[in-house]
Protein backbone atom coordinates (compact mmCIF):
# COMPACT_ATOMS: atom_id res chain seq x y z
CA MET A 1 190.77 76.77 51.53
CA ALA A 2 193.89 76.23 49.38
CA LYS A 3 195.93 78.55 51.65
CA LYS A 4 195.00 76.49 54.73
CA GLN A 5 196.04 73.27 52.99
CA LEU A 6 199.33 74.78 51.79
CA PHE A 7 200.05 76.09 55.31
CA SER A 8 199.33 72.62 56.79
CA ILE A 9 201.61 70.94 54.24
CA ILE A 10 204.48 73.36 55.01
CA ILE A 11 204.09 72.82 58.77
CA GLY A 12 204.00 69.02 58.23
CA VAL A 13 207.18 69.13 56.12
CA LEU A 14 208.97 71.22 58.78
CA ILE A 15 207.95 68.81 61.55
CA LEU A 16 209.02 65.81 59.47
CA GLY A 17 212.36 67.49 58.69
CA GLY A 18 212.91 68.19 62.39
CA LEU A 19 212.20 64.56 63.26
CA VAL A 20 214.60 63.29 60.59
CA PHE A 21 217.32 65.66 61.82
CA SER A 22 216.75 64.61 65.44
CA VAL A 23 217.06 60.90 64.60
CA TYR A 24 220.17 61.57 62.49
CA TYR A 25 221.76 63.54 65.36
CA TRP A 26 220.95 60.75 67.82
CA PHE A 27 222.57 58.11 65.59
CA GLN A 28 225.66 60.26 65.03
CA ASN A 29 226.31 61.53 68.55
CA ILE A 30 224.37 59.77 71.28
CA LYS A 31 224.44 56.02 70.56
CA PRO A 32 224.19 54.47 74.02
CA GLY A 33 227.42 52.76 75.06
CA LEU A 34 229.31 53.62 71.89
CA LYS A 35 229.70 57.36 71.51
CA SER A 36 229.91 60.29 73.84
CA PRO A 37 228.76 63.78 72.84
CA ALA A 38 231.51 65.20 75.06
CA SER A 39 234.15 63.64 72.82
CA GLY A 40 233.78 66.45 70.29
CA GLY A 41 231.51 64.48 67.98
CA GLU A 42 234.27 62.07 67.03
CA GLY A 43 232.47 59.14 68.58
CA THR A 44 235.37 57.39 70.24
CA GLU A 45 234.63 54.07 71.88
CA THR A 46 235.06 53.86 75.63
CA PRO A 47 236.64 50.55 76.64
CA THR A 48 235.33 49.13 79.87
CA GLU A 49 237.57 47.43 82.38
CA ILE A 50 236.89 43.92 83.62
CA SER A 51 235.96 43.69 87.29
CA GLN A 52 237.96 41.74 89.87
CA GLU A 53 235.22 39.09 90.10
CA GLU A 54 235.11 38.61 86.31
CA ALA A 55 238.91 38.30 86.19
CA VAL A 56 238.89 35.64 88.91
CA ASN A 57 236.16 33.69 87.08
CA LEU A 58 238.16 33.80 83.81
CA ALA A 59 241.34 32.63 85.55
CA LEU A 60 239.56 29.80 87.38
CA GLU A 61 237.91 28.60 84.14
CA GLN A 62 241.34 28.03 82.60
CA TYR A 63 243.23 27.05 85.75
CA PRO A 64 240.89 25.43 88.34
CA GLY A 65 241.88 25.72 91.97
CA GLU A 66 241.69 28.02 94.98
CA VAL A 67 242.57 31.72 94.81
CA PHE A 68 245.13 32.85 97.39
CA SER A 69 245.89 36.41 96.20
CA ILE A 70 244.55 39.13 93.93
CA LYS A 71 246.11 42.46 93.00
CA LYS A 72 245.92 44.97 90.17
CA GLU A 73 249.22 45.94 88.54
CA THR A 74 250.40 48.03 85.64
CA LEU A 75 253.09 46.21 83.67
CA ASP A 76 255.16 47.18 80.65
CA SER A 77 253.56 46.07 77.40
CA GLU A 78 255.17 43.12 75.62
CA LYS A 79 254.06 44.55 72.27
CA THR A 80 255.35 48.10 72.70
CA PRO A 81 258.06 48.72 75.32
CA ASP A 82 257.09 52.41 75.70
CA GLU A 83 253.51 51.57 76.74
CA SER A 84 252.08 49.85 79.78
CA GLU A 85 248.99 47.72 80.36
CA THR A 86 246.94 47.00 83.46
CA PHE A 87 246.33 43.44 84.65
CA TRP A 88 244.65 41.58 87.48
CA ILE A 89 247.33 39.28 88.96
CA ILE A 90 245.60 36.27 90.54
CA GLY A 91 247.44 33.68 92.64
CA ILE A 92 245.92 30.20 92.38
CA ASN A 93 246.62 26.97 94.28
CA LEU A 94 245.90 24.51 91.47
CA SER A 95 243.56 21.52 91.83
CA VAL A 96 245.71 19.58 89.37
CA PRO A 97 249.45 20.40 89.30
CA ILE A 98 250.99 21.66 86.08
CA GLY A 99 254.07 19.86 84.77
CA MET A 100 256.97 21.94 83.56
CA PRO A 101 260.26 20.78 82.07
CA SER A 102 263.35 21.34 84.18
CA LEU A 103 267.02 21.43 83.26
CA SER A 104 267.40 17.81 84.28
CA ASP A 105 265.54 15.03 82.49
CA LYS A 106 262.82 14.99 85.12
CA THR A 107 259.59 16.92 84.80
CA LYS A 108 258.90 19.18 87.75
CA THR A 109 255.34 19.94 88.81
CA THR A 110 253.97 23.04 90.48
CA ASN A 111 250.83 23.58 92.54
CA GLN A 112 250.86 27.37 92.48
CA ILE A 113 250.70 29.85 89.62
CA LEU A 114 250.11 33.54 89.10
CA VAL A 115 247.66 34.27 86.29
CA ARG A 116 247.41 37.69 84.70
CA VAL A 117 244.15 38.91 83.16
CA ASN A 118 244.25 42.03 80.97
CA VAL A 119 241.60 44.45 82.25
CA LYS A 120 240.65 45.63 78.75
CA THR A 121 241.03 42.57 76.51
CA ASN A 122 240.01 39.92 79.10
CA GLU A 123 242.92 37.68 78.04
CA ALA A 124 244.14 35.31 80.76
CA SER A 125 247.62 33.77 80.73
CA ILE A 126 250.17 32.36 83.15
CA TYR A 127 252.31 35.15 84.57
CA LYS A 128 254.59 33.13 86.86
CA LEU A 129 254.91 29.53 87.97
CA GLY A 130 255.25 28.64 91.65
CA ASP A 131 257.94 26.58 93.35
């Protein structure tokens, strides 16, 4: 009787150890959305790019108006000249014109702007002012 109990305890410990190892492996290598087992176990994060629709929505939240053009461009990075970043460039006819100082004392207004939205950081900013 004691041998059967000892055998059952050993089998139980092996199963429990296997379960603990499996859960540990899952947390280290296969966290959904964070790590990829193909990355050599290093667990590098995979940045996702913003879609065209999301970029337009972000731009229109900050600069309301009507979109007249959209394109995706790779531009040199302002932070590091040797690197480049990808942006959605969105042309907007503004609902409310933006005032900008000119060389004369008068303030000039513009109805068109180009907004750039970084595809990885989702940051929107004015890229160019219109006429």
